[in-house]
All heavy atoms as atom14 arrays in JSON, in Angstrom:
{
  "sequence": "HMALGYSGDQYTLNDKVSSPGLWRYVVPKEGTLS",
  "atom14_mask": [
    [1, 1, 1, 1, 1, 1, 1, 1, 1, 1, 0, 0, 0, 0],
    [1, 1, 1, 1, 1, 1, 1, 1, 0, 0, 0, 0, 0, 0],
    [1, 1, 1, 1, 1, 0, 0, 0, 0, 0, 0, 0, 0, 0],
    [1, 1, 1, 1, 1, 1, 1, 1, 0, 0, 0, 0, 0, 0],
    [1, 1, 1, 1, 0, 0, 0, 0, 0, 0, 0, 0, 0, 0],
    [1, 1, 1, 1, 1, 1, 1, 1, 1, 1, 1, 1, 0, 0],
    [1, 1, 1, 1, 1, 1, 0, 0, 0, 0, 0, 0, 0, 0],
    [1, 1, 1, 1, 0, 0, 0, 0, 0, 0, 0, 0, 0, 0],
    [1, 1, 1, 1, 1, 1, 1, 1, 0, 0, 0, 0, 0, 0],
    [1, 1, 1, 1, 1, 1, 1, 1, 1, 0, 0, 0, 0, 0],
    [1, 1, 1, 1, 1, 1, 1, 1, 1, 1, 1, 1, 0, 0],
    [1, 1, 1, 1, 1, 1, 1, 0, 0, 0, 0, 0, 0, 0],
    [1, 1, 1, 1, 1, 1, 1, 1, 0, 0, 0, 0, 0, 0],
    [1, 1, 1, 1, 1, 1, 1, 1, 0, 0, 0, 0, 0, 0],
    [1, 1, 1, 1, 1, 1, 1, 1, 0, 0, 0, 0, 0, 0],
    [1, 1, 1, 1, 1, 1, 1, 1, 1, 0, 0, 0, 0, 0],
    [1, 1, 1, 1, 1, 1, 1, 0, 0, 0, 0, 0, 0, 0],
    [1, 1, 1, 1, 1, 1, 0, 0, 0, 0, 0, 0, 0, 0],
    [1, 1, 1, 1, 1, 1, 0, 0, 0, 0, 0, 0, 0, 0],
    [1, 1, 1, 1, 1, 1, 1, 0, 0, 0, 0, 0, 0, 0],
    [1, 1, 1, 1, 0, 0, 0, 0, 0, 0, 0, 0, 0, 0],
    [1, 1, 1, 1, 1, 1, 1, 1, 0, 0, 0, 0, 0, 0],
    [1, 1, 1, 1, 1, 1, 1, 1, 1, 1, 1, 1, 1, 1],
    [1, 1, 1, 1, 1, 1, 1, 1, 1, 1, 1, 0, 0, 0],
    [1, 1, 1, 1, 1, 1, 1, 1, 1, 1, 1, 1, 0, 0],
    [1, 1, 1, 1, 1, 1, 1, 0, 0, 0, 0, 0, 0, 0],
    [1, 1, 1, 1, 1, 1, 1, 0, 0, 0, 0, 0, 0, 0],
    [1, 1, 1, 1, 1, 1, 1, 0, 0, 0, 0, 0, 0, 0],
    [1, 1, 1, 1, 1, 1, 1, 1, 1, 0, 0, 0, 0, 0],
    [1, 1, 1, 1, 1, 1, 1, 1, 1, 0, 0, 0, 0, 0],
    [1, 1, 1, 1, 0, 0, 0, 0, 0, 0, 0, 0, 0, 0],
    [1, 1, 1, 1, 1, 1, 1, 0, 0, 0, 0, 0, 0, 0],
    [1, 1, 1, 1, 1, 1, 1, 1, 0, 0, 0, 0, 0, 0],
    [1, 1, 1, 1, 1, 1, 0, 0, 0, 0, 0, 0, 0, 0]
  ],
  "atom14_positions": [
    [[162.16, 27.09, 99.19], [161.35, 28.15, 99.77], [161.04, 27.91, 101.23], [160.73, 28.86, 101.96], [160.05, 28.31, 99.0], [160.25, 28.68, 97.56], [159.21, 28.69, 96.64], [161.36, 29.06, 96.87], [159.7, 29.04, 95.45], [160.99, 29.27, 95.56], [0.0, 0.0, 0.0], [0.0, 0.0, 0.0], [0.0, 0.0, 0.0], [0.0, 0.0, 0.0]],
    [[161.09, 26.65, 101.65], [160.79, 26.28, 103.03], [161.67, 25.09, 103.41], [161.98, 24.26, 102.56], [159.3, 25.94, 103.2], [158.88, 25.58, 104.63], [157.11, 25.21, 104.79], [156.41, 26.85, 104.67], [0.0, 0.0, 0.0], [0.0, 0.0, 0.0], [0.0, 0.0, 0.0], [0.0, 0.0, 0.0], [0.0, 0.0, 0.0], [0.0, 0.0, 0.0]],
    [[162.08, 25.04, 104.67], [162.97, 23.95, 105.08], [162.82, 23.63, 106.57], [162.45, 24.49, 107.36], [164.41, 24.32, 104.78], [0.0, 0.0, 0.0], [0.0, 0.0, 0.0], [0.0, 0.0, 0.0], [0.0, 0.0, 0.0], [0.0, 0.0, 0.0], [0.0, 0.0, 0.0], [0.0, 0.0, 0.0], [0.0, 0.0, 0.0], [0.0, 0.0, 0.0]],
    [[163.12, 22.4, 106.88], [163.28, 22.0, 108.27], [164.65, 22.43, 108.73], [165.64, 22.25, 108.0], [163.15, 20.47, 108.4], [163.4, 19.85, 109.77], [162.29, 20.25, 110.74], [163.51, 18.34, 109.66], [0.0, 0.0, 0.0], [0.0, 0.0, 0.0], [0.0, 0.0, 0.0], [0.0, 0.0, 0.0], [0.0, 0.0, 0.0], [0.0, 0.0, 0.0]],
    [[164.76, 23.05, 109.89], [166.07, 23.47, 110.34], [166.11, 23.82, 111.81], [165.14, 23.61, 112.55], [0.0, 0.0, 0.0], [0.0, 0.0, 0.0], [0.0, 0.0, 0.0], [0.0, 0.0, 0.0], [0.0, 0.0, 0.0], [0.0, 0.0, 0.0], [0.0, 0.0, 0.0], [0.0, 0.0, 0.0], [0.0, 0.0, 0.0], [0.0, 0.0, 0.0]],
    [[167.25, 24.34, 112.21], [167.5, 24.69, 113.61], [167.44, 26.2, 113.78], [167.73, 26.98, 112.85], [168.9, 24.23, 114.03], [169.15, 22.75, 113.85], [169.84, 22.29, 112.72], [168.74, 21.83, 114.79], [170.11, 20.94, 112.56], [169.0, 20.48, 114.63], [169.69, 20.03, 113.51], [169.95, 18.7, 113.36], [0.0, 0.0, 0.0], [0.0, 0.0, 0.0]],
    [[167.08, 26.65, 114.98], [167.18, 28.06, 115.29], [168.61, 28.51, 115.07], [169.55, 27.84, 115.46], [166.74, 28.31, 116.74], [167.5, 27.52, 117.64], [0.0, 0.0, 0.0], [0.0, 0.0, 0.0], [0.0, 0.0, 0.0], [0.0, 0.0, 0.0], [0.0, 0.0, 0.0], [0.0, 0.0, 0.0], [0.0, 0.0, 0.0], [0.0, 0.0, 0.0]],
    [[168.76, 29.63, 114.42], [170.1, 30.12, 114.06], [170.47, 29.85, 112.62], [171.29, 30.57, 112.01], [0.0, 0.0, 0.0], [0.0, 0.0, 0.0], [0.0, 0.0, 0.0], [0.0, 0.0, 0.0], [0.0, 0.0, 0.0], [0.0, 0.0, 0.0], [0.0, 0.0, 0.0], [0.0, 0.0, 0.0], [0.0, 0.0, 0.0], [0.0, 0.0, 0.0]],
    [[169.81, 28.85, 112.01], [170.11, 28.53, 110.6], [169.77, 29.68, 109.67], [170.37, 29.85, 108.62], [169.35, 27.27, 110.17], [170.02, 25.99, 110.59], [171.15, 26.06, 111.1], [169.41, 24.92, 110.44], [0.0, 0.0, 0.0], [0.0, 0.0, 0.0], [0.0, 0.0, 0.0], [0.0, 0.0, 0.0], [0.0, 0.0, 0.0], [0.0, 0.0, 0.0]],
    [[168.75, 30.48, 110.06], [168.33, 31.56, 109.18], [169.46, 32.56, 108.97], [169.61, 33.12, 107.87], [167.08, 32.26, 109.74], [167.26, 33.07, 111.0], [167.1, 32.25, 112.26], [167.4, 31.06, 112.29], [166.6, 32.88, 113.32], [0.0, 0.0, 0.0], [0.0, 0.0, 0.0], [0.0, 0.0, 0.0], [0.0, 0.0, 0.0], [0.0, 0.0, 0.0]],
    [[170.28, 32.78, 109.98], [171.38, 33.73, 109.85], [172.47, 33.19, 108.92], [173.05, 33.91, 108.11], [171.97, 34.07, 111.22], [170.95, 34.69, 112.14], [170.37, 33.96, 113.17], [170.57, 36.01, 111.99], [169.42, 34.53, 114.0], [169.62, 36.59, 112.82], [169.05, 35.85, 113.84], [168.12, 36.4, 114.65], [0.0, 0.0, 0.0], [0.0, 0.0, 0.0]],
    [[172.74, 31.88, 109.04], [173.72, 31.26, 108.15], [173.21, 31.25, 106.71], [173.96, 31.54, 105.76], [174.0, 29.8, 108.6], [174.48, 29.82, 109.94], [175.03, 29.15, 107.71], [0.0, 0.0, 0.0], [0.0, 0.0, 0.0], [0.0, 0.0, 0.0], [0.0, 0.0, 0.0], [0.0, 0.0, 0.0], [0.0, 0.0, 0.0], [0.0, 0.0, 0.0]],
    [[171.94, 30.96, 106.52], [171.35, 30.97, 105.18], [171.44, 32.35, 104.56], [171.81, 32.51, 103.4], [169.9, 30.5, 105.23], [169.66, 29.01, 105.51], [168.17, 28.77, 105.71], [170.21, 28.14, 104.41], [0.0, 0.0, 0.0], [0.0, 0.0, 0.0], [0.0, 0.0, 0.0], [0.0, 0.0, 0.0], [0.0, 0.0, 0.0], [0.0, 0.0, 0.0]],
    [[171.11, 33.38, 105.34], [171.16, 34.74, 104.82], [172.57, 35.15, 104.44], [172.8, 35.87, 103.47], [170.58, 35.71, 105.84], [169.07, 35.58, 105.97], [168.4, 35.22, 105.01], [168.53, 35.86, 107.14], [0.0, 0.0, 0.0], [0.0, 0.0, 0.0], [0.0, 0.0, 0.0], [0.0, 0.0, 0.0], [0.0, 0.0, 0.0], [0.0, 0.0, 0.0]],
    [[173.54, 34.64, 105.22], [174.93, 34.91, 104.9], [175.34, 34.19, 103.63], [176.06, 34.75, 102.78], [175.81, 34.48, 106.08], [177.3, 34.76, 105.84], [177.64, 35.94, 105.71], [178.1, 33.82, 105.76], [0.0, 0.0, 0.0], [0.0, 0.0, 0.0], [0.0, 0.0, 0.0], [0.0, 0.0, 0.0], [0.0, 0.0, 0.0], [0.0, 0.0, 0.0]],
    [[174.88, 32.94, 103.47], [175.23, 32.15, 102.28], [174.69, 32.78, 101.0], [175.34, 32.74, 99.95], [174.71, 30.73, 102.4], [175.31, 29.9, 103.53], [176.73, 29.52, 103.29], [177.26, 28.58, 104.36], [178.71, 28.32, 104.21], [0.0, 0.0, 0.0], [0.0, 0.0, 0.0], [0.0, 0.0, 0.0], [0.0, 0.0, 0.0], [0.0, 0.0, 0.0]],
    [[173.47, 33.39, 101.1], [172.85, 33.95, 99.91], [173.07, 35.47, 99.82], [172.56, 36.13, 98.9], [171.35, 33.62, 99.82], [171.15, 32.13, 99.78], [170.61, 34.24, 101.01], [0.0, 0.0, 0.0], [0.0, 0.0, 0.0], [0.0, 0.0, 0.0], [0.0, 0.0, 0.0], [0.0, 0.0, 0.0], [0.0, 0.0, 0.0], [0.0, 0.0, 0.0]],
    [[173.82, 35.99, 100.79], [174.15, 37.45, 100.83], [172.88, 38.31, 100.76], [172.81, 39.29, 100.01], [175.09, 37.81, 99.68], [176.29, 37.08, 99.76], [0.0, 0.0, 0.0], [0.0, 0.0, 0.0], [0.0, 0.0, 0.0], [0.0, 0.0, 0.0], [0.0, 0.0, 0.0], [0.0, 0.0, 0.0], [0.0, 0.0, 0.0], [0.0, 0.0, 0.0]],
    [[171.89, 37.92, 101.57], [170.61, 38.68, 101.58], [170.08, 38.7, 102.99], [169.21, 37.9, 103.35], [169.62, 38.06, 100.62], [168.44, 38.82, 100.56], [0.0, 0.0, 0.0], [0.0, 0.0, 0.0], [0.0, 0.0, 0.0], [0.0, 0.0, 0.0], [0.0, 0.0, 0.0], [0.0, 0.0, 0.0], [0.0, 0.0, 0.0], [0.0, 0.0, 0.0]],
    [[170.53, 39.63, 103.83], [170.07, 39.7, 105.24], [168.55, 39.82, 105.33], [167.94, 40.61, 104.6], [170.76, 40.96, 105.75], [171.95, 41.15, 104.87], [171.5, 40.67, 103.51], [0.0, 0.0, 0.0], [0.0, 0.0, 0.0], [0.0, 0.0, 0.0], [0.0, 0.0, 0.0], [0.0, 0.0, 0.0], [0.0, 0.0, 0.0], [0.0, 0.0, 0.0]],
    [[167.97, 39.02, 106.2], [166.54, 39.09, 106.43], [165.67, 38.3, 105.48], [164.46, 38.19, 105.67], [0.0, 0.0, 0.0], [0.0, 0.0, 0.0], [0.0, 0.0, 0.0], [0.0, 0.0, 0.0], [0.0, 0.0, 0.0], [0.0, 0.0, 0.0], [0.0, 0.0, 0.0], [0.0, 0.0, 0.0], [0.0, 0.0, 0.0], [0.0, 0.0, 0.0]],
    [[166.3, 37.72, 104.44], [165.51, 36.95, 103.47], [164.91, 35.7, 104.12], [163.71, 35.43, 104.0], [166.37, 36.55, 102.27], [165.66, 35.7, 101.2], [164.59, 36.52, 100.51], [166.68, 35.16, 100.19], [0.0, 0.0, 0.0], [0.0, 0.0, 0.0], [0.0, 0.0, 0.0], [0.0, 0.0, 0.0], [0.0, 0.0, 0.0], [0.0, 0.0, 0.0]],
    [[165.76, 34.94, 104.81], [165.3, 33.73, 105.48], [164.86, 34.04, 106.9], [165.54, 34.77, 107.63], [166.41, 32.66, 105.49], [166.53, 31.95, 104.19], [167.35, 32.27, 103.15], [165.79, 30.8, 103.77], [167.18, 31.38, 102.12], [166.24, 30.47, 102.46], [164.8, 30.02, 104.38], [165.71, 29.39, 101.74], [164.28, 28.94, 103.67], [164.74, 28.62, 102.38]],
    [[163.71, 33.48, 107.29], [163.2, 33.67, 108.66], [162.97, 32.29, 109.29], [162.98, 31.27, 108.62], [161.88, 34.46, 108.63], [161.97, 35.82, 107.96], [162.94, 36.75, 108.66], [162.58, 36.98, 110.04], [161.75, 37.93, 110.46], [161.2, 38.77, 109.58], [161.47, 38.08, 111.74], [0.0, 0.0, 0.0], [0.0, 0.0, 0.0], [0.0, 0.0, 0.0]],
    [[162.74, 32.31, 110.59], [162.6, 31.05, 111.33], [161.44, 31.16, 112.3], [161.25, 32.18, 112.96], [163.89, 30.75, 112.1], [163.8, 29.6, 113.06], [163.98, 28.3, 112.62], [163.54, 29.81, 114.43], [163.89, 27.23, 113.51], [163.47, 28.74, 115.32], [163.65, 27.46, 114.86], [163.59, 26.4, 115.73], [0.0, 0.0, 0.0], [0.0, 0.0, 0.0]],
    [[160.64, 30.11, 112.39], [159.55, 30.05, 113.37], [159.5, 28.69, 114.04], [159.88, 27.67, 113.45], [158.18, 30.32, 112.72], [158.08, 31.74, 112.17], [157.85, 29.3, 111.63], [0.0, 0.0, 0.0], [0.0, 0.0, 0.0], [0.0, 0.0, 0.0], [0.0, 0.0, 0.0], [0.0, 0.0, 0.0], [0.0, 0.0, 0.0], [0.0, 0.0, 0.0]],
    [[159.06, 28.7, 115.29], [158.78, 27.46, 116.01], [157.3, 27.2, 115.93], [156.49, 28.05, 116.33], [159.23, 27.55, 117.48], [158.82, 26.26, 118.22], [160.74, 27.75, 117.57], [0.0, 0.0, 0.0], [0.0, 0.0, 0.0], [0.0, 0.0, 0.0], [0.0, 0.0, 0.0], [0.0, 0.0, 0.0], [0.0, 0.0, 0.0], [0.0, 0.0, 0.0]],
    [[156.86, 26.07, 115.39], [155.43, 25.79, 115.26], [154.7, 25.75, 116.61], [155.29, 25.44, 117.64], [155.42, 24.4, 114.61], [156.69, 24.35, 113.83], [157.68, 25.05, 114.72], [0.0, 0.0, 0.0], [0.0, 0.0, 0.0], [0.0, 0.0, 0.0], [0.0, 0.0, 0.0], [0.0, 0.0, 0.0], [0.0, 0.0, 0.0], [0.0, 0.0, 0.0]],
    [[153.42, 26.09, 116.56], [152.61, 26.23, 117.77], [152.47, 24.93, 118.56], [152.23, 24.96, 119.77], [151.24, 26.76, 117.4], [150.44, 25.82, 116.5], [149.12, 26.43, 116.06], [148.34, 25.5, 115.12], [147.08, 26.14, 114.65], [0.0, 0.0, 0.0], [0.0, 0.0, 0.0], [0.0, 0.0, 0.0], [0.0, 0.0, 0.0], [0.0, 0.0, 0.0]],
    [[152.63, 23.77, 117.89], [152.45, 22.49, 118.58], [153.6, 22.16, 119.52], [153.5, 21.26, 120.33], [152.3, 21.36, 117.57], [151.09, 21.44, 116.69], [151.32, 22.25, 115.41], [152.44, 22.79, 115.25], [150.4, 22.3, 114.58], [0.0, 0.0, 0.0], [0.0, 0.0, 0.0], [0.0, 0.0, 0.0], [0.0, 0.0, 0.0], [0.0, 0.0, 0.0]],
    [[154.73, 22.89, 119.38], [155.91, 22.58, 120.16], [157.0, 21.98, 119.29], [156.82, 21.8, 118.07], [0.0, 0.0, 0.0], [0.0, 0.0, 0.0], [0.0, 0.0, 0.0], [0.0, 0.0, 0.0], [0.0, 0.0, 0.0], [0.0, 0.0, 0.0], [0.0, 0.0, 0.0], [0.0, 0.0, 0.0], [0.0, 0.0, 0.0], [0.0, 0.0, 0.0]],
    [[158.11, 21.62, 119.89], [159.24, 21.17, 119.08], [160.27, 20.45, 119.94], [160.02, 20.09, 121.08], [159.89, 22.37, 118.35], [160.88, 21.89, 117.44], [160.55, 23.34, 119.33], [0.0, 0.0, 0.0], [0.0, 0.0, 0.0], [0.0, 0.0, 0.0], [0.0, 0.0, 0.0], [0.0, 0.0, 0.0], [0.0, 0.0, 0.0], [0.0, 0.0, 0.0]],
    [[161.44, 20.28, 119.38], [162.59, 19.73, 120.08], [163.45, 20.85, 120.62], [163.76, 21.81, 119.89], [163.43, 18.88, 119.11], [164.82, 18.42, 119.58], [164.7, 17.35, 120.66], [165.65, 17.92, 118.43], [0.0, 0.0, 0.0], [0.0, 0.0, 0.0], [0.0, 0.0, 0.0], [0.0, 0.0, 0.0], [0.0, 0.0, 0.0], [0.0, 0.0, 0.0]],
    [[163.83, 20.79, 121.87], [164.85, 21.7, 122.44], [166.15, 20.95, 122.49], [166.28, 19.96, 123.21], [164.42, 22.15, 123.86], [165.42, 22.97, 124.41], [0.0, 0.0, 0.0], [0.0, 0.0, 0.0], [0.0, 0.0, 0.0], [0.0, 0.0, 0.0], [0.0, 0.0, 0.0], [0.0, 0.0, 0.0], [0.0, 0.0, 0.0], [0.0, 0.0, 0.0]]
  ]
}
């Protein structure tokens, strides 16, 4: 239901499960790795 991942992974996940828009991605407010 939740995972650590990279920006762009949501599109690959949606393609893998054949459900566009199911997986979403956010960058936490504290910051992250670029």
